[in-house]
Amino acid sequence: MNIKVCKFGGTSMADKNSISRVKEIILSDKERRFVVVSAPGKRFKEDIKVTDVLYECYDEKVKTGECKNKFSVIRERFEGIVADLGLSINISDRLDEVERGINASSSPDYAASRG
């Protein structure tokens, strides 16, 4: 039996349309059984990658003690994706957990790995 592992991230996870295409790719082959996703990328030329904002969150935390302002960009982005896809999940608790984790972290590694 063959098992295919697929990895998607960046622009392929940037918005509703790109995520829908990824879903079609995954469902088009029953051997694609494991899927790894990473942070959403740019939706348009002037946009910023989620991973870059996560690094900015850590920088803000170092300077001010918390990442509240920059994290609002992350929160808006993921809540927007959930809404655009019409999902009935509560992502707020998970986002709160990530924000607390960044605020408690002693290196940028935690922040960067949360995309």
N, C-alpha and C. Protein backbone atom coordinates (compact mmCIF):
# COMPACT_ATOMS: atom_id res chain seq x y z
N MET A 1 0.83 -1.18 0.00
CA MET A 1 0.00 0.00 0.00
C MET A 1 0.88 1.25 0.00
N ASN A 2 0.57 2.17 -0.87
CA ASN A 2 1.28 3.45 -0.92
C ASN A 2 0.58 4.46 -0.03
N ILE A 3 1.37 5.24 0.64
CA ILE A 3 0.83 6.33 1.44
C ILE A 3 1.51 7.60 0.97
N LYS A 4 0.69 8.59 0.66
CA LYS A 4 1.22 9.88 0.24
C LYS A 4 1.03 10.88 1.36
N VAL A 5 2.08 11.60 1.63
CA VAL A 5 2.03 12.69 2.60
C VAL A 5 2.17 13.98 1.82
N CYS A 6 1.25 14.90 2.05
CA CYS A 6 1.25 16.16 1.32
C CYS A 6 1.47 17.31 2.30
N LYS A 7 2.20 18.31 1.86
CA LYS A 7 2.43 19.50 2.68
C LYS A 7 1.96 20.71 1.90
N PHE A 8 1.14 21.52 2.57
CA PHE A 8 0.65 22.74 1.95
C PHE A 8 0.88 23.89 2.92
N GLY A 9 1.24 25.03 2.38
CA GLY A 9 1.43 26.22 3.19
C GLY A 9 1.58 27.43 2.29
N GLY A 10 1.84 28.55 2.89
CA GLY A 10 2.04 29.77 2.12
C GLY A 10 0.82 30.16 1.33
N THR A 11 1.01 30.48 0.06
CA THR A 11 -0.12 30.93 -0.76
C THR A 11 -1.17 29.85 -0.97
N SER A 12 -0.80 28.58 -0.83
CA SER A 12 -1.81 27.53 -1.01
C SER A 12 -2.76 27.44 0.18
N MET A 13 -2.45 28.16 1.26
CA MET A 13 -3.33 28.19 2.43
C MET A 13 -3.74 29.62 2.78
N ALA A 14 -3.60 30.54 1.85
CA ALA A 14 -3.76 31.96 2.13
C ALA A 14 -5.21 32.42 2.31
N ASP A 15 -6.14 31.79 1.61
CA ASP A 15 -7.52 32.26 1.69
C ASP A 15 -8.48 31.13 1.31
N LYS A 16 -9.76 31.45 1.33
CA LYS A 16 -10.81 30.47 1.07
C LYS A 16 -10.61 29.75 -0.27
N ASN A 17 -10.33 30.49 -1.32
CA ASN A 17 -10.20 29.88 -2.65
C ASN A 17 -9.01 28.93 -2.72
N SER A 18 -7.88 29.35 -2.18
CA SER A 18 -6.70 28.48 -2.24
C SER A 18 -6.88 27.25 -1.36
N ILE A 19 -7.51 27.42 -0.19
CA ILE A 19 -7.77 26.28 0.68
C ILE A 19 -8.75 25.31 0.01
N SER A 20 -9.72 25.83 -0.69
CA SER A 20 -10.67 24.97 -1.42
C SER A 20 -9.96 24.16 -2.50
N ARG A 21 -8.98 24.77 -3.18
CA ARG A 21 -8.20 24.03 -4.19
C ARG A 21 -7.38 22.92 -3.53
N VAL A 22 -6.81 23.22 -2.38
CA VAL A 22 -6.05 22.20 -1.64
C VAL A 22 -6.97 21.04 -1.29
N LYS A 23 -8.16 21.34 -0.84
CA LYS A 23 -9.12 20.28 -0.50
C LYS A 23 -9.39 19.39 -1.72
N GLU A 24 -9.59 20.00 -2.88
CA GLU A 24 -9.81 19.22 -4.10
C GLU A 24 -8.62 18.33 -4.42
N ILE A 25 -7.42 18.86 -4.26
CA ILE A 25 -6.21 18.07 -4.52
C ILE A 25 -6.15 16.87 -3.59
N ILE A 26 -6.41 17.11 -2.32
CA ILE A 26 -6.35 16.03 -1.33
C ILE A 26 -7.38 14.95 -1.64
N LEU A 27 -8.59 15.39 -1.93
CA LEU A 27 -9.68 14.43 -2.17
C LEU A 27 -9.59 13.72 -3.52
N SER A 28 -8.76 14.23 -4.42
CA SER A 28 -8.67 13.63 -5.75
C SER A 28 -7.86 12.34 -5.78
N ASP A 29 -7.20 12.00 -4.70
CA ASP A 29 -6.35 10.80 -4.66
C ASP A 29 -6.48 10.15 -3.29
N LYS A 30 -7.08 8.97 -3.24
CA LYS A 30 -7.32 8.30 -1.95
C LYS A 30 -6.03 7.91 -1.23
N GLU A 31 -4.91 7.93 -1.93
CA GLU A 31 -3.62 7.63 -1.29
C GLU A 31 -3.07 8.82 -0.51
N ARG A 32 -3.66 9.98 -0.69
CA ARG A 32 -3.25 11.16 0.09
C ARG A 32 -3.96 11.08 1.43
N ARG A 33 -3.30 10.45 2.38
CA ARG A 33 -3.93 10.18 3.67
C ARG A 33 -3.41 11.05 4.79
N PHE A 34 -2.26 11.65 4.61
CA PHE A 34 -1.67 12.49 5.64
C PHE A 34 -1.38 13.86 5.04
N VAL A 35 -1.85 14.88 5.72
CA VAL A 35 -1.70 16.24 5.21
C VAL A 35 -1.09 17.10 6.31
N VAL A 36 -0.05 17.82 5.95
CA VAL A 36 0.62 18.74 6.86
C VAL A 36 0.40 20.14 6.30
N VAL A 37 -0.06 21.04 7.14
CA VAL A 37 -0.26 22.42 6.69
C VAL A 37 0.61 23.35 7.53
N SER A 38 1.02 24.42 6.90
CA SER A 38 1.77 25.44 7.63
C SER A 38 1.06 26.78 7.44
N ALA A 39 1.68 27.81 7.91
CA ALA A 39 1.05 29.13 8.01
C ALA A 39 0.59 29.68 6.66
N PRO A 40 -0.54 30.37 6.69
CA PRO A 40 -1.01 31.05 5.48
C PRO A 40 -0.01 32.10 5.01
N GLY A 41 0.12 32.21 3.72
CA GLY A 41 1.02 33.20 3.13
C GLY A 41 0.27 34.44 2.69
N LYS A 42 0.85 35.13 1.75
CA LYS A 42 0.27 36.37 1.24
C LYS A 42 -0.97 36.09 0.38
N ARG A 43 -1.99 36.91 0.58
CA ARG A 43 -3.20 36.83 -0.24
C ARG A 43 -3.10 37.73 -1.44
N PHE A 44 -2.26 38.75 -1.35
CA PHE A 44 -2.05 39.72 -2.41
C PHE A 44 -0.68 40.34 -2.20
N LYS A 45 -0.19 41.07 -3.18
CA LYS A 45 1.19 41.55 -3.18
C LYS A 45 1.58 42.32 -1.91
N GLU A 46 0.73 43.19 -1.41
CA GLU A 46 1.06 44.03 -0.27
C GLU A 46 0.80 43.34 1.07
N ASP A 47 0.26 42.14 1.05
CA ASP A 47 -0.08 41.40 2.26
C ASP A 47 1.19 40.95 2.97
N ILE A 48 1.03 40.45 4.18
CA ILE A 48 2.16 39.93 4.96
C ILE A 48 1.88 38.47 5.31
N LYS A 49 2.91 37.66 5.30
CA LYS A 49 2.78 36.25 5.65
C LYS A 49 2.51 36.13 7.14
N VAL A 50 1.70 35.14 7.51
CA VAL A 50 1.38 34.92 8.92
C VAL A 50 2.65 34.66 9.73
N THR A 51 3.58 33.90 9.19
CA THR A 51 4.82 33.62 9.93
C THR A 51 5.57 34.92 10.24
N ASP A 52 5.60 35.85 9.30
CA ASP A 52 6.26 37.13 9.55
C ASP A 52 5.57 37.91 10.67
N VAL A 53 4.23 37.86 10.70
CA VAL A 53 3.50 38.55 11.77
C VAL A 53 3.76 37.87 13.11
N LEU A 54 3.89 36.55 13.10
CA LEU A 54 4.19 35.85 14.35
C LEU A 54 5.55 36.27 14.91
N TYR A 55 6.53 36.45 14.05
CA TYR A 55 7.83 36.98 14.51
C TYR A 55 7.66 38.39 15.07
N GLU A 56 6.82 39.19 14.42
CA GLU A 56 6.55 40.54 14.91
C GLU A 56 5.86 40.50 16.28
N CYS A 57 5.00 39.50 16.47
CA CYS A 57 4.36 39.32 17.77
C CYS A 57 5.40 39.10 18.86
N TYR A 58 6.36 38.25 18.58
CA TYR A 58 7.40 38.00 19.58
C TYR A 58 8.20 39.28 19.84
N ASP A 59 8.54 40.01 18.78
CA ASP A 59 9.28 41.25 18.95
C ASP A 59 8.51 42.25 19.81
N GLU A 60 7.19 42.35 19.56
CA GLU A 60 6.36 43.24 20.37
C GLU A 60 6.34 42.79 21.83
N LYS A 61 6.26 41.49 22.05
CA LYS A 61 6.26 40.94 23.41
C LYS A 61 7.55 41.30 24.13
N VAL A 62 8.68 41.21 23.44
CA VAL A 62 9.97 41.55 24.04
C VAL A 62 10.01 43.03 24.42
N LYS A 63 9.48 43.88 23.55
CA LYS A 63 9.54 45.34 23.77
C LYS A 63 8.53 45.84 24.80
N THR A 64 7.33 45.23 24.81
CA THR A 64 6.25 45.79 25.65
C THR A 64 5.75 44.85 26.73
N GLY A 65 6.15 43.58 26.67
CA GLY A 65 5.68 42.61 27.65
C GLY A 65 4.52 41.75 27.18
N GLU A 66 3.89 42.17 26.07
CA GLU A 66 2.81 41.36 25.50
C GLU A 66 2.69 41.65 24.01
N CYS A 67 2.02 40.75 23.32
CA CYS A 67 1.92 40.87 21.86
C CYS A 67 0.51 41.22 21.40
N LYS A 68 -0.22 41.90 22.22
CA LYS A 68 -1.64 42.17 21.96
C LYS A 68 -1.90 42.85 20.60
N ASN A 69 -1.17 43.90 20.28
CA ASN A 69 -1.44 44.64 19.04
C ASN A 69 -1.15 43.81 17.80
N LYS A 70 0.03 43.24 17.72
CA LYS A 70 0.38 42.44 16.55
C LYS A 70 -0.46 41.17 16.46
N PHE A 71 -0.78 40.59 17.62
CA PHE A 71 -1.55 39.36 17.59
C PHE A 71 -2.96 39.59 17.05
N SER A 72 -3.46 40.80 17.15
CA SER A 72 -4.79 41.09 16.61
C SER A 72 -4.82 40.83 15.09
N VAL A 73 -3.69 41.00 14.42
CA VAL A 73 -3.59 40.71 12.98
C VAL A 73 -3.74 39.20 12.75
N ILE A 74 -3.09 38.41 13.59
CA ILE A 74 -3.19 36.95 13.49
C ILE A 74 -4.62 36.51 13.76
N ARG A 75 -5.19 37.05 14.81
CA ARG A 75 -6.56 36.70 15.19
C ARG A 75 -7.54 37.01 14.04
N GLU A 76 -7.41 38.20 13.50
CA GLU A 76 -8.30 38.61 12.39
C GLU A 76 -8.14 37.68 11.19
N ARG A 77 -6.91 37.32 10.89
CA ARG A 77 -6.64 36.48 9.72
C ARG A 77 -7.28 35.11 9.87
N PHE A 78 -7.05 34.44 11.01
CA PHE A 78 -7.58 33.10 11.19
C PHE A 78 -9.10 33.10 11.38
N GLU A 79 -9.62 34.08 12.09
CA GLU A 79 -11.07 34.17 12.22
C GLU A 79 -11.71 34.44 10.87
N GLY A 80 -11.05 35.21 10.02
CA GLY A 80 -11.54 35.47 8.67
C GLY A 80 -11.57 34.20 7.82
N ILE A 81 -10.54 33.40 7.92
CA ILE A 81 -10.49 32.14 7.18
C ILE A 81 -11.63 31.23 7.63
N VAL A 82 -11.83 31.11 8.93
CA VAL A 82 -12.90 30.27 9.46
C VAL A 82 -14.25 30.76 8.94
N ALA A 83 -14.48 32.07 9.00
CA ALA A 83 -15.74 32.65 8.53
C ALA A 83 -15.93 32.45 7.03
N ASP A 84 -14.88 32.73 6.25
CA ASP A 84 -14.97 32.59 4.80
C ASP A 84 -15.28 31.16 4.37
N LEU A 85 -14.75 30.20 5.10
CA LEU A 85 -15.00 28.79 4.78
C LEU A 85 -16.34 28.30 5.33
N GLY A 86 -17.00 29.15 6.11
CA GLY A 86 -18.30 28.78 6.67
C GLY A 86 -18.20 27.67 7.71
N LEU A 87 -17.08 27.62 8.41
CA LEU A 87 -16.88 26.59 9.42
C LEU A 87 -17.57 26.98 10.73
N SER A 88 -18.09 26.00 11.41
CA SER A 88 -18.74 26.27 12.69
C SER A 88 -17.85 25.80 13.83
N ILE A 89 -16.64 26.34 13.86
CA ILE A 89 -15.71 26.01 14.93
C ILE A 89 -15.38 27.28 15.69
N ASN A 90 -15.05 27.12 16.96
CA ASN A 90 -14.65 28.25 17.78
C ASN A 90 -13.12 28.25 17.84
N ILE A 91 -12.52 29.11 17.07
CA ILE A 91 -11.06 29.17 17.03
C ILE A 91 -10.51 30.14 18.08
N SER A 92 -11.38 30.90 18.71
CA SER A 92 -10.93 31.92 19.67
C SER A 92 -10.14 31.33 20.83
N ASP A 93 -10.59 30.20 21.37
CA ASP A 93 -9.87 29.59 22.49
C ASP A 93 -8.46 29.20 22.09
N ARG A 94 -8.32 28.64 20.91
CA ARG A 94 -6.99 28.24 20.43
C ARG A 94 -6.10 29.46 20.21
N LEU A 95 -6.69 30.51 19.64
CA LEU A 95 -5.92 31.74 19.42
C LEU A 95 -5.50 32.36 20.75
N ASP A 96 -6.39 32.33 21.74
CA ASP A 96 -6.04 32.83 23.07
C ASP A 96 -4.84 32.06 23.63
N GLU A 97 -4.86 30.75 23.45
CA GLU A 97 -3.77 29.88 23.92
C GLU A 97 -2.45 30.25 23.26
N VAL A 98 -2.50 30.48 21.96
CA VAL A 98 -1.28 30.84 21.22
C VAL A 98 -0.76 32.20 21.69
N GLU A 99 -1.66 33.15 21.86
CA GLU A 99 -1.24 34.48 22.32
C GLU A 99 -0.58 34.38 23.70
N ARG A 100 -1.19 33.61 24.60
CA ARG A 100 -0.58 33.43 25.94
C ARG A 100 0.79 32.75 25.82
N GLY A 101 0.89 31.79 24.92
CA GLY A 101 2.17 31.10 24.74
C GLY A 101 3.27 32.01 24.23
N ILE A 102 2.93 32.89 23.31
CA ILE A 102 3.92 33.86 22.81
C ILE A 102 4.34 34.78 23.95
N ASN A 103 3.36 35.24 24.72
CA ASN A 103 3.67 36.15 25.83
C ASN A 103 4.53 35.48 26.89
N ALA A 104 4.44 34.17 27.03
CA ALA A 104 5.22 33.44 28.03
C ALA A 104 6.54 32.91 27.50
N SER A 105 6.76 32.99 26.20
CA SER A 105 7.94 32.36 25.61
C SER A 105 9.20 33.20 25.79
N SER A 106 10.33 32.51 25.75
CA SER A 106 11.62 33.18 25.92
C SER A 106 12.44 33.19 24.64
N SER A 107 11.83 32.74 23.54
CA SER A 107 12.50 32.81 22.23
C SER A 107 11.42 32.93 21.15
N PRO A 108 11.80 33.33 19.96
CA PRO A 108 10.82 33.47 18.88
C PRO A 108 10.36 32.12 18.30
N ASP A 109 10.97 31.03 18.72
CA ASP A 109 10.65 29.72 18.15
C ASP A 109 9.19 29.33 18.33
N TYR A 110 8.66 29.54 19.54
CA TYR A 110 7.26 29.21 19.79
C TYR A 110 6.35 29.99 18.84
N ALA A 111 6.57 31.29 18.74
CA ALA A 111 5.73 32.12 17.89
C ALA A 111 5.79 31.66 16.44
N ALA A 112 6.98 31.42 15.93
CA ALA A 112 7.13 31.03 14.53
C ALA A 112 6.49 29.69 14.22
N SER A 113 6.42 28.83 15.19
CA SER A 113 5.89 27.49 14.94
C SER A 113 4.37 27.41 15.06
N ARG A 114 3.71 28.50 15.33
CA ARG A 114 2.26 28.48 15.55
C ARG A 114 1.44 28.72 14.29
N GLY A 115 2.05 28.98 13.18
CA GLY A 115 1.30 29.26 11.95
C GLY A 115 0.41 28.15 11.54
